[in-house]
């Protein structure tokens, strides 16, 4: 969500972990690039997607789960839970 992204970016910047441009570049490469490529390739592979919708739905959910797991794991390894305040976590959960 935008709120979560904002809190994590603020935490990263406050901890000296990077500049805003670097954070935005990382988000764009991780989220926007595959989204744009998918939409641009739809006219070329649309029929195949329609024929294989059931398996692609499962693959899509698995990919989302993998992204969330990877992000959570990276946060644990980098110690982000020590840099994010309890108030930030409560705000994210609400």
N, C-alpha and C. Protein backbone atom coordinates (compact mmCIF):
# COMPACT_ATOMS: atom_id res chain seq x y z
N UNK A 1 0.84 -1.19 0.00
CA UNK A 1 0.00 0.00 0.00
C UNK A 1 0.88 1.24 0.00
N UNK A 2 0.36 2.35 -0.42
CA UNK A 2 1.15 3.59 -0.41
C UNK A 2 1.64 3.97 0.99
N UNK A 3 0.81 3.73 2.00
CA UNK A 3 1.22 4.05 3.37
C UNK A 3 2.41 3.21 3.79
N UNK A 4 2.35 1.92 3.52
CA UNK A 4 3.45 1.03 3.86
C UNK A 4 4.72 1.41 3.11
N UNK A 5 4.60 1.69 1.83
CA UNK A 5 5.77 2.09 1.04
C UNK A 5 6.37 3.38 1.59
N UNK A 6 5.54 4.32 1.94
CA UNK A 6 6.03 5.58 2.48
C UNK A 6 6.77 5.40 3.79
N UNK A 7 6.22 4.58 4.67
CA UNK A 7 6.87 4.33 5.96
C UNK A 7 8.20 3.62 5.79
N UNK A 8 8.24 2.64 4.90
CA UNK A 8 9.48 1.91 4.70
C UNK A 8 10.54 2.79 4.03
N UNK A 9 10.13 3.63 3.08
CA UNK A 9 11.08 4.54 2.45
C UNK A 9 11.62 5.54 3.46
N UNK A 10 10.72 6.06 4.30
CA UNK A 10 11.16 7.03 5.32
C UNK A 10 12.15 6.38 6.27
N UNK A 11 11.85 5.15 6.68
CA UNK A 11 12.74 4.44 7.59
C UNK A 11 14.10 4.20 6.93
N UNK A 12 14.09 3.81 5.68
CA UNK A 12 15.33 3.54 4.95
C UNK A 12 16.17 4.81 4.81
N UNK A 13 15.52 5.91 4.49
CA UNK A 13 16.23 7.17 4.32
C UNK A 13 16.77 7.70 5.64
N UNK A 14 15.99 7.56 6.71
CA UNK A 14 16.43 8.05 8.02
C UNK A 14 17.61 7.25 8.55
N UNK A 15 17.67 5.98 8.19
CA UNK A 15 18.76 5.14 8.69
C UNK A 15 20.02 5.30 7.86
N UNK A 16 19.97 6.14 6.83
CA UNK A 16 21.14 6.34 5.99
C UNK A 16 21.35 5.23 5.00
N UNK A 17 20.29 4.47 4.73
CA UNK A 17 20.41 3.32 3.84
C UNK A 17 20.36 3.64 2.37
N UNK A 18 20.16 4.87 1.98
CA UNK A 18 20.14 5.17 0.56
C UNK A 18 19.50 6.51 0.30
N UNK A 19 19.54 6.90 -0.95
CA UNK A 19 18.91 8.16 -1.33
C UNK A 19 17.54 7.88 -1.92
N UNK A 20 16.71 8.91 -1.99
CA UNK A 20 15.34 8.75 -2.48
C UNK A 20 15.32 8.23 -3.91
N UNK A 21 16.22 8.71 -4.76
CA UNK A 21 16.26 8.25 -6.14
C UNK A 21 16.57 6.76 -6.22
N UNK A 22 17.48 6.30 -5.38
CA UNK A 22 17.81 4.88 -5.36
C UNK A 22 16.64 4.03 -4.90
N UNK A 23 15.93 4.50 -3.89
CA UNK A 23 14.76 3.77 -3.39
C UNK A 23 13.68 3.71 -4.46
N UNK A 24 13.43 4.84 -5.12
CA UNK A 24 12.40 4.88 -6.17
C UNK A 24 12.80 3.99 -7.36
N UNK A 25 14.07 3.99 -7.73
CA UNK A 25 14.54 3.15 -8.83
C UNK A 25 14.31 1.68 -8.50
N UNK A 26 14.61 1.30 -7.27
CA UNK A 26 14.43 -0.08 -6.85
C UNK A 26 12.96 -0.49 -6.92
N UNK A 27 12.07 0.39 -6.47
CA UNK A 27 10.64 0.10 -6.52
C UNK A 27 10.17 -0.03 -7.96
N UNK A 28 10.63 0.87 -8.82
CA UNK A 28 10.21 0.83 -10.22
C UNK A 28 10.67 -0.45 -10.90
N UNK A 29 11.91 -0.85 -10.66
CA UNK A 29 12.41 -2.07 -11.30
C UNK A 29 11.71 -3.31 -10.76
N UNK A 30 11.38 -3.30 -9.50
CA UNK A 30 10.75 -4.46 -8.89
C UNK A 30 9.28 -4.59 -9.25
N UNK A 31 8.55 -3.48 -9.27
CA UNK A 31 7.10 -3.54 -9.45
C UNK A 31 6.61 -3.07 -10.81
N UNK A 32 7.07 -1.91 -11.24
CA UNK A 32 6.50 -1.32 -12.45
C UNK A 32 7.00 -1.96 -13.74
N UNK A 33 8.27 -2.33 -13.81
CA UNK A 33 8.81 -2.90 -15.05
C UNK A 33 8.06 -4.17 -15.47
N UNK A 34 7.87 -5.17 -14.59
CA UNK A 34 7.11 -6.35 -15.01
C UNK A 34 5.66 -6.03 -15.38
N UNK A 35 5.06 -5.08 -14.68
CA UNK A 35 3.69 -4.67 -14.98
C UNK A 35 3.59 -4.10 -16.39
N UNK A 36 4.50 -3.20 -16.73
CA UNK A 36 4.49 -2.57 -18.05
C UNK A 36 4.79 -3.60 -19.14
N UNK A 37 5.77 -4.45 -18.91
CA UNK A 37 6.11 -5.48 -19.90
C UNK A 37 4.93 -6.41 -20.13
N UNK A 38 4.23 -6.77 -19.06
CA UNK A 38 3.05 -7.63 -19.19
C UNK A 38 1.96 -7.00 -20.03
N UNK A 39 1.69 -5.74 -19.80
CA UNK A 39 0.65 -5.06 -20.57
C UNK A 39 1.05 -4.88 -22.03
N UNK A 40 2.30 -4.60 -22.28
CA UNK A 40 2.75 -4.44 -23.66
C UNK A 40 2.76 -5.76 -24.43
N UNK A 41 2.98 -6.87 -23.74
CA UNK A 41 3.02 -8.17 -24.41
C UNK A 41 1.65 -8.83 -24.54
N UNK A 42 0.65 -8.28 -23.92
CA UNK A 42 -0.70 -8.87 -23.95
C UNK A 42 -1.22 -9.12 -25.37
N UNK A 43 -1.07 -8.18 -26.31
CA UNK A 43 -1.56 -8.46 -27.67
C UNK A 43 -0.86 -9.65 -28.32
N UNK A 44 0.36 -9.92 -27.94
CA UNK A 44 1.12 -11.01 -28.55
C UNK A 44 0.78 -12.37 -27.94
N UNK A 45 0.50 -12.41 -26.65
CA UNK A 45 0.29 -13.69 -25.97
C UNK A 45 -1.08 -13.80 -25.32
N UNK A 46 -2.00 -12.92 -25.67
CA UNK A 46 -3.32 -12.89 -25.04
C UNK A 46 -4.11 -14.17 -25.17
N UNK A 47 -4.09 -14.77 -26.35
CA UNK A 47 -4.86 -16.01 -26.55
C UNK A 47 -4.31 -17.14 -25.69
N UNK A 48 -2.98 -17.24 -25.65
CA UNK A 48 -2.35 -18.27 -24.85
C UNK A 48 -2.70 -18.08 -23.37
N UNK A 49 -2.71 -16.84 -22.91
CA UNK A 49 -3.07 -16.53 -21.53
C UNK A 49 -4.50 -16.96 -21.24
N UNK A 50 -5.41 -16.67 -22.17
CA UNK A 50 -6.82 -17.04 -21.98
C UNK A 50 -6.98 -18.56 -21.90
N UNK A 51 -6.22 -19.30 -22.70
CA UNK A 51 -6.33 -20.77 -22.69
C UNK A 51 -5.75 -21.38 -21.41
N UNK A 52 -4.81 -20.73 -20.81
CA UNK A 52 -4.11 -21.28 -19.64
C UNK A 52 -4.38 -20.48 -18.37
N UNK A 53 -5.57 -19.91 -18.29
CA UNK A 53 -5.90 -19.01 -17.19
C UNK A 53 -5.81 -19.69 -15.81
N UNK A 54 -6.24 -20.94 -15.71
CA UNK A 54 -6.26 -21.61 -14.40
C UNK A 54 -4.85 -21.78 -13.84
N UNK A 55 -3.95 -22.29 -14.65
CA UNK A 55 -2.58 -22.50 -14.16
C UNK A 55 -1.86 -21.18 -13.94
N UNK A 56 -2.13 -20.20 -14.78
CA UNK A 56 -1.49 -18.89 -14.61
C UNK A 56 -1.98 -18.18 -13.35
N UNK A 57 -3.22 -18.42 -12.97
CA UNK A 57 -3.74 -17.84 -11.73
C UNK A 57 -2.97 -18.38 -10.53
N UNK A 58 -2.72 -19.70 -10.52
CA UNK A 58 -1.95 -20.30 -9.43
C UNK A 58 -0.51 -19.82 -9.45
N UNK A 59 0.06 -19.70 -10.63
CA UNK A 59 1.42 -19.20 -10.76
C UNK A 59 1.53 -17.76 -10.27
N UNK A 60 0.53 -16.96 -10.60
CA UNK A 60 0.50 -15.56 -10.18
C UNK A 60 0.46 -15.45 -8.65
N UNK A 61 -0.39 -16.23 -8.03
CA UNK A 61 -0.49 -16.19 -6.57
C UNK A 61 0.79 -16.69 -5.91
N UNK A 62 1.40 -17.69 -6.51
CA UNK A 62 2.67 -18.19 -5.99
C UNK A 62 3.78 -17.15 -6.10
N UNK A 63 3.79 -16.42 -7.21
CA UNK A 63 4.80 -15.37 -7.41
C UNK A 63 4.62 -14.25 -6.39
N UNK A 64 3.38 -13.87 -6.13
CA UNK A 64 3.11 -12.83 -5.13
C UNK A 64 3.57 -13.29 -3.75
N UNK A 65 3.27 -14.52 -3.42
CA UNK A 65 3.71 -15.08 -2.13
C UNK A 65 5.23 -15.08 -2.03
N UNK A 66 5.91 -15.43 -3.12
CA UNK A 66 7.37 -15.44 -3.13
C UNK A 66 7.94 -14.03 -2.96
N UNK A 67 7.33 -13.04 -3.59
CA UNK A 67 7.79 -11.66 -3.45
C UNK A 67 7.64 -11.19 -2.00
N UNK A 68 6.49 -11.49 -1.39
CA UNK A 68 6.26 -11.09 0.00
C UNK A 68 7.25 -11.80 0.92
N UNK A 69 7.45 -13.08 0.71
CA UNK A 69 8.40 -13.84 1.53
C UNK A 69 9.82 -13.29 1.39
N UNK A 70 10.22 -12.99 0.15
CA UNK A 70 11.56 -12.45 -0.10
C UNK A 70 11.74 -11.10 0.58
N UNK A 71 10.74 -10.24 0.46
CA UNK A 71 10.82 -8.91 1.09
C UNK A 71 10.89 -9.03 2.60
N UNK A 72 10.08 -9.90 3.17
CA UNK A 72 10.09 -10.09 4.62
C UNK A 72 11.44 -10.65 5.08
N UNK A 73 11.96 -11.63 4.34
CA UNK A 73 13.25 -12.22 4.69
C UNK A 73 14.37 -11.20 4.61
N UNK A 74 14.37 -10.38 3.57
CA UNK A 74 15.39 -9.34 3.43
C UNK A 74 15.29 -8.34 4.57
N UNK A 75 14.07 -8.02 4.98
CA UNK A 75 13.88 -7.09 6.09
C UNK A 75 14.45 -7.66 7.39
N UNK A 76 14.26 -8.95 7.59
CA UNK A 76 14.79 -9.59 8.80
C UNK A 76 16.32 -9.61 8.76
N UNK A 77 16.89 -9.99 7.63
CA UNK A 77 18.34 -10.06 7.50
C UNK A 77 18.98 -8.69 7.69
N UNK A 78 18.35 -7.65 7.16
CA UNK A 78 18.90 -6.30 7.26
C UNK A 78 18.56 -5.61 8.57
N UNK A 79 17.78 -6.26 9.42
CA UNK A 79 17.45 -5.69 10.72
C UNK A 79 16.48 -4.53 10.66
N UNK A 80 15.60 -4.52 9.67
CA UNK A 80 14.66 -3.39 9.53
C UNK A 80 13.72 -3.31 10.73
N UNK A 81 13.46 -4.44 11.37
CA UNK A 81 12.53 -4.42 12.49
C UNK A 81 13.11 -3.66 13.68
N UNK A 82 14.42 -3.46 13.68
CA UNK A 82 15.04 -2.65 14.73
C UNK A 82 15.02 -1.17 14.37
N UNK A 83 14.84 -0.85 13.09
CA UNK A 83 14.83 0.54 12.64
C UNK A 83 13.43 1.12 12.53
N UNK A 84 12.42 0.27 12.46
CA UNK A 84 11.04 0.73 12.34
C UNK A 84 10.46 0.77 13.75
N UNK A 85 9.87 1.90 14.10
CA UNK A 85 9.34 2.05 15.46
C UNK A 85 8.04 1.26 15.63
N UNK A 86 7.68 1.04 16.87
CA UNK A 86 6.42 0.34 17.18
C UNK A 86 5.23 1.12 16.64
N UNK A 87 5.31 2.44 16.67
CA UNK A 87 4.23 3.28 16.12
C UNK A 87 4.08 3.06 14.62
N UNK A 88 5.20 2.96 13.90
CA UNK A 88 5.14 2.69 12.46
C UNK A 88 4.50 1.34 12.18
N UNK A 89 4.87 0.33 12.95
CA UNK A 89 4.29 -1.00 12.76
C UNK A 89 2.80 -0.98 13.07
N UNK A 90 2.39 -0.31 14.13
CA UNK A 90 0.97 -0.20 14.47
C UNK A 90 0.21 0.51 13.36
N UNK A 91 0.80 1.56 12.80
CA UNK A 91 0.15 2.29 11.70
C UNK A 91 -0.02 1.39 10.49
N UNK A 92 0.98 0.59 10.18
CA UNK A 92 0.91 -0.33 9.04
C UNK A 92 -0.21 -1.35 9.25
N UNK A 93 -0.31 -1.88 10.46
CA UNK A 93 -1.31 -2.90 10.74
C UNK A 93 -2.74 -2.36 10.75
N UNK A 94 -2.89 -1.09 11.06
CA UNK A 94 -4.22 -0.50 11.08
C UNK A 94 -4.56 -0.06 9.70
